[in-house]
Amino acid sequence: MDQVPAGPGPVPGAGILSIAEIAEIVSEALDDERLQDIWIRGEITGYKPHQSGHYYFSLSEDLNGRTYVIGCIMWQNRGQSLDFDFKNGLAVIAFGNVQFHGPNGKLSFLVREIRSAGVGEKHLLVERWKRELEAEGLFAVERKKPLPLFPSRVGVATSRTGAVLQDIINIISRRYPLEIVLSPTAVQGDTAHLEIASAICALDGCVDVIIVGRGGGSFEDLFPFNHPDVVRAIAGCRTPVISAVGHETDFVLADFAADRRAPTPSSAAELAVPDQAELARDVKSSLDRLKLALDKRVQDAMDIIVDLKVRLHPRRIEKRINENRLNVAEFEEDLERAFLGKLGAFRGELARVQALLEGRSPLTILSRGYSIIEKDNEVIRSARELHPEDRVRLRMADGSVKTRVEEVCIDKEI
């Protein structure tokens, strides 16, 4: 068993770290957000093509008489999109993460994207412009204006000598001939953005729709159409704007501010105006449908007229009148029979009620020999209501008699 030699300094114990533990600590420390998803600048050194297709190189920087170096790795699939000659000595900017590989104890920068320094800085500038302009609301969907259905004037902001203008003229002349107003401008160069913005503003309010365009090109060629001056000029237009810069896969900031984006200038011309041949087909189709509908209405009306002629023929009318007369006569007979039947029943009931009333009438009772005694116009119902010497009236069936009471006799109650 090996013995740890005694001597000055701390005595090893349970706090001894393994190499793997150190590597893990260093790796965790490098998870700092400041070392993740970052851009770094440097000069390519130590690059040699590898048979695997992966890129192994370093980025170096000289500062204050010292050279600082960091090893880099870029996988083959990331390197396939390079648009410049990757070689030693080239200044670049690279995007990726700092990482530590524990098994070989090596710190490196894992590259996900790399660009030559000049173009790369412009890419970063465009990304910054995009964030700023988006924050201003210039790319908001609710700002988009609809294109006119039937414009009378189309404005074009592009180069006077480029093929773009001729393509637009040819397509519009063929599809829907109208007035084309050119506002000429340079489409590339250091000051092109100023001319493009001015050309757009000159057309605003003078035409029904504006096409801003140029042909395809590199990122550098299309760079002026990313400039905030051009974006703000488009966003500030009262007139609808179609952006047609580059080819289908090219995108510039002007596309996001425009009311419509066309993949090519030719497509922009097709968006700007309708197709007169298609309109003619639509009109013909509408006329055909209208004619069919009108023919059907006329035929329906004729059918109604024929039917009315048949139904209103004098013989048919006379026959209908006679039928109605017979129906009325039958109805009168039925009504009369029903009335007479009800009237007989009513008369019988009336006689029964009359007999009942006559049987209960006071006059009928009086005719049997009875009389009614009244005192002071009140009917007397009990002998107790009378006293000797009271004057009373005796009402009989055929008259009345006034008399005086001589004596009142009350029968004993049983």
Protein backbone atom coordinates (compact mmCIF):
# COMPACT_ATOMS: atom_id res chain seq x y z
CA MET A 1 0.00 0.00 0.00
CA ASP A 2 1.41 3.39 -1.05
CA GLN A 3 2.10 5.81 1.77
CA VAL A 4 1.55 9.56 1.42
CA PRO A 5 4.80 11.17 2.45
CA ALA A 6 4.60 13.51 5.38
CA GLY A 7 5.82 17.03 4.94
CA PRO A 8 4.84 20.68 5.13
CA GLY A 9 1.48 21.85 3.69
CA PRO A 10 -2.06 20.56 3.96
CA VAL A 11 -2.49 16.90 4.59
CA PRO A 12 -4.59 15.11 1.90
CA GLY A 13 -7.84 13.70 3.17
CA ALA A 14 -11.47 13.21 2.21
CA GLY A 15 -11.47 16.53 0.24
CA ILE A 16 -9.37 15.19 -2.63
CA LEU A 17 -11.08 15.86 -6.04
CA SER A 18 -10.89 13.57 -9.00
CA ILE A 19 -9.96 14.87 -12.44
CA ALA A 20 -13.50 14.06 -13.61
CA GLU A 21 -14.96 16.13 -10.77
CA ILE A 22 -12.76 19.08 -11.70
CA ALA A 23 -13.85 18.75 -15.31
CA GLU A 24 -17.49 18.72 -14.21
CA ILE A 25 -17.03 21.84 -12.08
CA VAL A 26 -15.33 23.67 -14.94
CA SER A 27 -18.07 22.56 -17.36
CA GLU A 28 -20.80 23.80 -15.01
CA ALA A 29 -18.96 27.11 -14.58
CA LEU A 30 -18.96 27.54 -18.36
CA ASP A 31 -22.77 27.31 -18.41
CA ASP A 32 -22.74 31.04 -17.61
CA GLU A 33 -25.18 32.83 -19.98
CA ARG A 34 -22.38 35.22 -20.95
CA LEU A 35 -20.65 32.31 -22.71
CA GLN A 36 -23.77 30.90 -24.44
CA ASP A 37 -25.21 32.02 -27.81
CA ILE A 38 -22.58 34.71 -28.33
CA TRP A 39 -20.71 36.29 -31.24
CA ILE A 40 -16.91 36.45 -31.13
CA ARG A 41 -14.43 38.05 -33.50
CA GLY A 42 -11.02 36.73 -34.50
CA GLU A 43 -8.65 35.59 -37.23
CA ILE A 44 -8.70 32.02 -38.52
CA THR A 45 -5.50 30.13 -37.64
CA GLY A 46 -4.42 26.49 -37.62
CA TYR A 47 -7.04 25.39 -40.13
CA LYS A 48 -6.41 22.26 -42.18
CA PRO A 49 -9.18 20.49 -44.13
CA HIS A 50 -10.20 17.31 -42.31
CA GLN A 51 -11.28 14.15 -44.09
CA SER A 52 -14.46 14.00 -41.98
CA GLY A 53 -15.58 17.35 -43.41
CA HIS A 54 -15.66 18.95 -39.95
CA TYR A 55 -13.81 22.23 -39.39
CA TYR A 56 -11.12 22.27 -36.68
CA PHE A 57 -9.35 25.63 -36.31
CA SER A 58 -8.61 28.43 -33.88
CA LEU A 59 -9.57 32.07 -33.66
CA SER A 60 -6.79 34.40 -32.52
CA GLU A 61 -6.54 38.02 -31.47
CA ASP A 62 -3.49 40.22 -30.85
CA LEU A 63 -3.95 42.64 -27.97
CA ASN A 64 -1.30 44.69 -26.16
CA GLY A 65 1.52 42.65 -27.61
CA ARG A 66 -0.07 39.34 -26.64
CA THR A 67 -1.86 36.76 -28.77
CA TYR A 68 -5.01 35.20 -27.40
CA VAL A 69 -6.26 31.95 -28.98
CA ILE A 70 -9.36 29.80 -28.57
CA GLY A 71 -9.87 26.44 -30.30
CA CYS A 72 -12.98 26.11 -32.46
CA ILE A 73 -15.04 23.30 -33.91
CA MET A 74 -17.67 23.60 -36.64
CA TRP A 75 -19.48 20.48 -37.79
CA GLN A 76 -19.74 19.59 -41.45
CA ASN A 77 -23.47 20.41 -41.80
CA ARG A 78 -22.82 23.93 -40.48
CA GLY A 79 -20.00 24.51 -42.96
CA GLN A 80 -22.07 23.60 -46.02
CA SER A 81 -23.72 27.04 -46.07
CA LEU A 82 -20.46 29.04 -46.17
CA ASP A 83 -20.53 31.74 -48.87
CA PHE A 84 -16.84 32.74 -48.62
CA ASP A 85 -13.42 31.12 -48.98
CA PHE A 86 -12.63 29.65 -45.56
CA LYS A 87 -8.87 30.03 -45.04
CA ASN A 88 -6.22 30.97 -42.48
CA GLY A 89 -5.68 34.66 -41.88
CA LEU A 90 -9.29 35.62 -42.66
CA ALA A 91 -11.02 37.91 -40.14
CA VAL A 92 -14.40 36.47 -39.20
CA ILE A 93 -17.15 36.67 -36.62
CA ALA A 94 -18.55 33.41 -35.25
CA PHE A 95 -21.72 32.52 -33.33
CA GLY A 96 -21.91 29.68 -30.83
CA ASN A 97 -21.13 28.50 -27.27
CA VAL A 98 -18.02 28.10 -25.16
CA GLN A 99 -17.73 24.52 -23.92
CA PHE A 100 -15.32 22.32 -21.98
CA HIS A 101 -14.71 18.70 -23.01
CA GLY A 102 -13.83 16.86 -19.83
CA PRO A 103 -12.20 13.67 -21.22
CA ASN A 104 -9.42 15.61 -23.01
CA GLY A 105 -9.50 18.66 -20.75
CA LYS A 106 -9.94 20.99 -23.71
CA LEU A 107 -11.76 24.33 -23.79
CA SER A 108 -13.23 25.17 -27.21
CA PHE A 109 -15.80 27.30 -29.00
CA LEU A 110 -18.55 25.30 -30.78
CA VAL A 111 -19.39 27.33 -33.90
CA ARG A 112 -22.96 27.27 -35.27
CA GLU A 113 -22.60 30.14 -37.74
CA ILE A 114 -19.61 32.00 -39.17
CA ARG A 115 -19.27 34.97 -41.50
CA SER A 116 -16.45 37.04 -42.92
CA ALA A 117 -15.96 40.09 -40.71
CA GLY A 118 -17.20 42.77 -43.13
CA VAL A 119 -20.35 40.98 -44.24
CA GLY A 120 -20.87 39.54 -40.78
CA GLU A 121 -20.96 42.97 -39.19
CA LYS A 122 -23.57 44.04 -41.72
CA HIS A 123 -25.65 40.96 -40.85
CA LEU A 124 -25.48 41.93 -37.20
CA LEU A 125 -26.41 45.49 -38.11
CA VAL A 126 -29.47 44.28 -40.03
CA GLU A 127 -30.54 42.16 -37.06
CA ARG A 128 -30.24 45.19 -34.78
CA TRP A 129 -32.23 47.33 -37.24
CA LYS A 130 -34.90 44.67 -37.42
CA ARG A 131 -35.33 44.63 -33.65
CA GLU A 132 -35.51 48.43 -33.47
CA LEU A 133 -37.94 48.83 -36.39
CA GLU A 134 -40.14 46.02 -35.12
CA ALA A 135 -40.27 47.71 -31.71
CA GLU A 136 -41.49 50.87 -33.50
CA GLY A 137 -44.41 48.83 -34.85
CA LEU A 138 -43.43 49.29 -38.50
CA PHE A 139 -43.88 45.56 -39.24
CA ALA A 140 -47.29 45.21 -37.55
CA VAL A 141 -49.90 43.34 -39.56
CA GLU A 142 -52.63 45.85 -38.69
CA ARG A 143 -50.69 48.54 -40.58
CA LYS A 144 -50.99 46.65 -43.86
CA LYS A 145 -53.20 48.29 -46.51
CA PRO A 146 -55.14 46.34 -49.13
CA LEU A 147 -54.07 46.62 -52.75
CA PRO A 148 -56.52 48.36 -55.12
CA LEU A 149 -58.58 46.02 -57.29
CA PHE A 150 -58.54 48.21 -60.39
CA PRO A 151 -55.69 50.75 -60.27
CA SER A 152 -55.31 53.43 -62.93
CA ARG A 153 -51.65 54.35 -62.25
CA VAL A 154 -48.78 52.18 -60.98
CA GLY A 155 -45.61 53.72 -59.59
CA VAL A 156 -42.25 51.93 -59.81
CA ALA A 157 -39.18 52.82 -57.73
CA THR A 158 -36.21 51.07 -59.33
CA SER A 159 -33.25 51.57 -61.65
CA ARG A 160 -33.98 53.22 -64.97
CA THR A 161 -31.60 50.87 -66.83
CA GLY A 162 -32.22 47.53 -65.11
CA ALA A 163 -34.19 44.62 -66.48
CA VAL A 164 -36.65 44.96 -63.60
CA LEU A 165 -38.40 47.98 -65.12
CA GLN A 166 -38.77 46.33 -68.51
CA ASP A 167 -40.18 43.14 -66.95
CA ILE A 168 -42.76 45.16 -65.03
CA ILE A 169 -43.74 47.17 -68.14
CA ASN A 170 -44.10 44.02 -70.25
CA ILE A 171 -46.27 42.20 -67.73
CA ILE A 172 -48.54 45.17 -66.96
CA SER A 173 -48.93 45.99 -70.67
CA ARG A 174 -50.00 42.42 -71.34
CA ARG A 175 -52.24 41.93 -68.30
CA TYR A 176 -53.90 45.31 -67.78
CA PRO A 177 -52.53 48.28 -69.78
CA LEU A 178 -52.38 51.47 -67.73
CA GLU A 179 -50.10 54.38 -66.93
CA ILE A 180 -46.74 53.45 -65.32
CA VAL A 181 -44.88 56.20 -63.44
CA LEU A 182 -41.15 55.62 -62.92
CA SER A 183 -39.30 57.18 -60.01
CA PRO A 184 -35.69 56.27 -60.91
CA THR A 185 -33.16 55.41 -58.21
CA ALA A 186 -29.87 53.62 -57.68
CA VAL A 187 -30.52 50.16 -56.20
CA GLN A 188 -27.09 49.43 -54.73
CA GLY A 189 -24.16 51.34 -53.36
CA ASP A 190 -23.28 53.24 -50.21
CA THR A 191 -25.88 56.01 -50.73
CA ALA A 192 -28.53 53.96 -52.54
CA HIS A 193 -30.78 53.86 -49.49
CA LEU A 194 -31.17 57.66 -49.63
CA GLU A 195 -32.21 57.58 -53.29
CA ILE A 196 -34.59 54.66 -52.77
CA ALA A 197 -36.35 56.38 -49.85
CA SER A 198 -36.63 59.62 -51.86
CA ALA A 199 -38.01 57.79 -54.91
CA ILE A 200 -40.69 56.10 -52.78
CA CYS A 201 -41.76 59.38 -51.17
CA ALA A 202 -41.97 61.06 -54.60
CA LEU A 203 -44.54 58.47 -55.75
CA ASP A 204 -46.68 58.50 -52.61
CA GLY A 205 -50.10 60.02 -53.31
CA CYS A 206 -49.49 60.30 -57.08
CA VAL A 207 -50.29 56.68 -57.99
CA ASP A 208 -52.64 53.93 -56.80
CA VAL A 209 -49.95 51.38 -55.91
CA ILE A 210 -46.14 51.46 -55.67
CA ILE A 211 -43.69 48.70 -56.61
CA VAL A 212 -40.25 48.90 -54.97
CA GLY A 213 -37.90 46.45 -56.64
CA ARG A 214 -34.60 45.26 -57.99
CA GLY A 215 -33.26 42.01 -59.39
CA GLY A 216 -31.41 39.32 -57.47
CA GLY A 217 -27.99 39.76 -55.93
CA SER A 218 -25.76 39.05 -52.99
CA PHE A 219 -26.44 40.17 -49.44
CA GLU A 220 -24.18 43.17 -50.11
CA ASP A 221 -26.15 44.07 -53.26
CA LEU A 222 -29.49 43.98 -51.45
CA PHE A 223 -28.18 45.70 -48.32
CA PRO A 224 -29.68 49.19 -49.07
CA PHE A 225 -33.19 47.72 -48.88
CA ASN A 226 -32.52 46.82 -45.24
CA HIS A 227 -31.73 50.41 -44.29
CA PRO A 228 -34.13 52.08 -41.80
CA ASP A 229 -34.53 55.05 -44.17
CA VAL A 230 -36.07 52.79 -46.81
CA VAL A 231 -38.18 50.89 -44.26
CA ARG A 232 -39.57 54.11 -42.75
CA ALA A 233 -40.29 55.55 -46.20
CA ILE A 234 -42.35 52.45 -47.06
CA ALA A 235 -44.13 52.34 -43.70
CA GLY A 236 -45.00 56.04 -43.96
CA CYS A 237 -46.67 55.74 -47.39
CA ARG A 238 -50.39 56.41 -47.73
CA THR A 239 -50.25 54.45 -50.98
CA PRO A 240 -50.07 50.63 -50.79
CA VAL A 241 -46.53 49.35 -51.42
CA ILE A 242 -45.37 46.03 -52.92
CA SER A 243 -41.80 45.01 -52.10
CA ALA A 244 -40.07 42.96 -54.82
CA VAL A 245 -36.39 42.80 -53.94
CA GLY A 246 -34.18 39.96 -55.12
CA HIS A 247 -35.38 36.44 -55.75
CA GLU A 248 -37.84 34.23 -53.90
CA THR A 249 -35.39 33.17 -51.18
CA ASP A 250 -34.09 36.71 -50.54
CA PHE A 251 -35.61 38.64 -47.67
CA VAL A 252 -34.90 42.27 -46.74
CA LEU A 253 -36.41 44.51 -44.06
CA ALA A 254 -38.35 46.40 -46.74
CA ASP A 255 -40.40 43.21 -47.22
CA PHE A 256 -41.66 43.34 -43.62
CA ALA A 257 -42.75 46.99 -43.86
CA ALA A 258 -44.45 46.68 -47.26
CA ASP A 259 -48.16 45.96 -47.58
CA ARG A 260 -47.39 42.95 -49.78
CA ARG A 261 -44.18 41.07 -50.51
CA ALA A 262 -43.60 39.60 -53.97
CA PRO A 263 -40.92 36.93 -54.58
CA THR A 264 -39.81 38.67 -57.81
CA PRO A 265 -40.48 41.98 -59.61
CA SER A 266 -42.49 40.07 -62.23
CA SER A 267 -44.71 38.68 -59.46
CA ALA A 268 -45.10 42.20 -58.10
CA ALA A 269 -46.46 43.38 -61.46
CA GLU A 270 -48.98 40.52 -61.41
CA LEU A 271 -50.05 41.49 -57.89
CA ALA A 272 -50.39 45.17 -58.78
CA VAL A 273 -52.89 44.77 -61.65
CA PRO A 274 -55.61 42.28 -62.54
CA ASP A 275 -55.50 40.11 -65.64
CA GLN A 276 -57.80 41.56 -68.30
CA ALA A 277 -58.16 38.15 -69.96
CA GLU A 278 -59.29 36.65 -66.68
CA LEU A 279 -61.62 39.60 -66.09
CA ALA A 280 -63.10 39.06 -69.56
CA ARG A 281 -63.66 35.39 -68.74
CA ASP A 282 -65.31 36.34 -65.47
CA VAL A 283 -67.55 38.89 -67.21
CA LYS A 284 -68.53 36.34 -69.87
CA SER A 285 -69.24 33.75 -67.22
CA SER A 286 -71.38 36.25 -65.30
CA LEU A 287 -73.25 37.21 -68.47
CA ASP A 288 -73.86 33.55 -69.29
CA ARG A 289 -75.24 32.92 -65.81
CA LEU A 290 -77.38 36.06 -66.05
CA LYS A 291 -78.74 34.99 -69.46
CA LEU A 292 -79.62 31.53 -68.14
CA ALA A 293 -81.36 33.04 -65.13
CA LEU A 294 -83.25 35.52 -67.34
CA ASP A 295 -84.28 32.77 -69.79
CA LYS A 296 -85.59 30.71 -66.89
CA ARG A 297 -87.57 33.66 -65.52
CA VAL A 298 -89.09 34.28 -68.97
CA GLN A 299 -89.99 30.61 -69.39
CA ASP A 300 -91.53 30.49 -65.91
CA ALA A 301 -93.60 33.59 -66.74
CA MET A 302 -94.77 32.04 -70.01
CA ASP A 303 -95.79 28.86 -68.19
CA ILE A 304 -97.82 30.95 -65.75
CA ILE A 305 -99.52 32.80 -68.61
CA VAL A 306 -100.43 29.53 -70.37
CA ASP A 307 -101.80 28.12 -67.13
CA LEU A 308 -103.86 31.26 -66.55
CA LYS A 309 -105.26 31.10 -70.08
CA VAL A 310 -106.44 27.55 -69.46
CA ARG A 311 -107.80 28.32 -66.01
CA LEU A 312 -109.55 31.55 -67.11
CA HIS A 313 -111.28 30.10 -70.22
CA PRO A 314 -114.99 31.22 -70.25
CA ARG A 315 -116.33 27.67 -70.17
CA ARG A 316 -114.09 26.78 -67.23
CA ILE A 317 -115.15 29.94 -65.41
CA GLU A 318 -118.86 29.21 -66.04
CA LYS A 319 -118.39 25.67 -64.84
CA ARG A 320 -116.65 26.88 -61.67
CA ILE A 321 -119.46 29.42 -61.07
CA ASN A 322 -122.14 26.75 -61.44
CA GLU A 323 -120.25 24.44 -59.11
CA ASN A 324 -120.01 27.21 -56.54
CA ARG A 325 -123.72 27.99 -56.89
CA LEU A 326 -124.60 24.35 -56.24
CA ASN A 327 -122.32 24.34 -53.22
CA VAL A 328 -123.98 27.52 -51.90
CA ALA A 329 -127.46 26.08 -52.41
CA GLU A 330 -126.54 22.90 -50.58
CA PHE A 331 -125.06 24.94 -47.79
CA GLU A 332 -128.26 27.04 -47.51
CA GLU A 333 -130.37 23.89 -47.22
CA ASP A 334 -128.08 22.43 -44.57
CA LEU A 335 -128.12 25.70 -42.68
CA GLU A 336 -131.91 25.96 -42.84
CA ARG A 337 -132.35 22.40 -41.58
CA ALA A 338 -129.92 23.02 -38.75
CA PHE A 339 -131.64 26.31 -37.86
CA LEU A 340 -135.10 24.82 -37.87
CA GLY A 341 -133.88 21.89 -35.76
CA LYS A 342 -132.38 24.22 -33.18
CA LEU A 343 -135.43 26.52 -33.26
CA GLY A 344 -137.82 23.61 -32.48
CA ALA A 345 -135.69 22.52 -29.56
CA PHE A 346 -135.57 26.11 -28.31
CA ARG A 347 -139.39 26.48 -28.54
CA GLY A 348 -139.92 23.27 -26.54
CA GLU A 349 -137.56 24.42 -23.82
CA LEU A 350 -139.19 27.86 -23.77
CA ALA A 351 -142.67 26.29 -23.32
CA ARG A 352 -141.36 24.12 -20.48
CA VAL A 353 -139.87 27.15 -18.68
CA GLN A 354 -143.00 29.18 -19.29
CA ALA A 355 -145.16 26.46 -17.79
CA LEU A 356 -142.83 26.24 -14.81
CA LEU A 357 -142.99 29.98 -14.29
CA GLU A 358 -146.75 30.08 -14.63
CA GLY A 359 -147.03 27.26 -12.10
CA ARG A 360 -145.02 29.26 -9.59
CA SER A 361 -146.70 32.62 -10.33
CA PRO A 362 -148.60 34.25 -7.41
CA LEU A 363 -151.51 35.02 -9.73
CA THR A 364 -151.90 31.34 -10.48
CA ILE A 365 -152.02 30.60 -6.75
CA LEU A 366 -154.55 33.38 -6.16
CA SER A 367 -156.80 31.97 -8.92
CA ARG A 368 -157.19 28.86 -6.77
CA GLY A 369 -158.99 30.87 -4.03
CA TYR A 370 -156.06 32.12 -2.05
CA SER A 371 -155.45 35.80 -1.14
CA ILE A 372 -152.52 37.93 0.02
CA ILE A 373 -152.73 40.20 3.10
CA GLU A 374 -150.77 43.47 2.96
CA LYS A 375 -150.25 46.03 5.68
CA ASP A 376 -148.62 49.32 4.87
CA ASN A 377 -147.69 47.83 1.46
CA GLU A 378 -145.87 44.98 3.19
CA VAL A 379 -146.94 41.36 2.80
CA ILE A 380 -148.04 39.81 6.07
CA ARG A 381 -146.64 36.32 6.58
CA SER A 382 -147.63 35.69 10.23
CA ALA A 383 -150.69 36.40 12.34
CA ARG A 384 -148.42 37.81 15.00
CA GLU A 385 -147.72 40.77 12.70
CA LEU A 386 -151.35 41.95 13.00
CA HIS A 387 -153.27 43.57 15.81
CA PRO A 388 -156.94 44.45 16.26
CA GLU A 389 -158.00 47.61 14.45
CA ASP A 390 -155.13 47.30 11.92
CA ARG A 391 -156.17 48.33 8.42
CA VAL A 392 -155.14 45.77 5.83
CA ARG A 393 -155.60 45.02 2.11
CA LEU A 394 -156.71 41.63 0.84
CA ARG A 395 -155.33 40.98 -2.68
CA MET A 396 -157.21 38.32 -4.70
CA ALA A 397 -156.92 37.02 -8.26
CA ASP A 398 -159.37 39.54 -9.74
CA GLY A 399 -158.98 42.52 -7.35
CA SER A 400 -158.34 43.71 -3.80
CA VAL A 401 -160.38 44.63 -0.66
CA LYS A 402 -159.51 47.03 2.20
CA THR A 403 -160.77 45.96 5.68
CA ARG A 404 -160.11 46.32 9.44
CA VAL A 405 -158.88 43.57 11.78
CA GLU A 406 -161.35 42.78 14.52
CA GLU A 407 -159.60 39.94 16.28
CA VAL A 408 -156.25 38.09 16.00
CA CYS A 409 -156.17 34.38 16.88
CA ILE A 410 -152.82 32.63 17.16
CA ASP A 411 -152.85 28.87 16.69
CA LYS A 412 -151.05 26.90 19.35
CA GLU A 413 -147.69 25.59 18.28
CA ILE A 414 -147.53 21.87 17.93
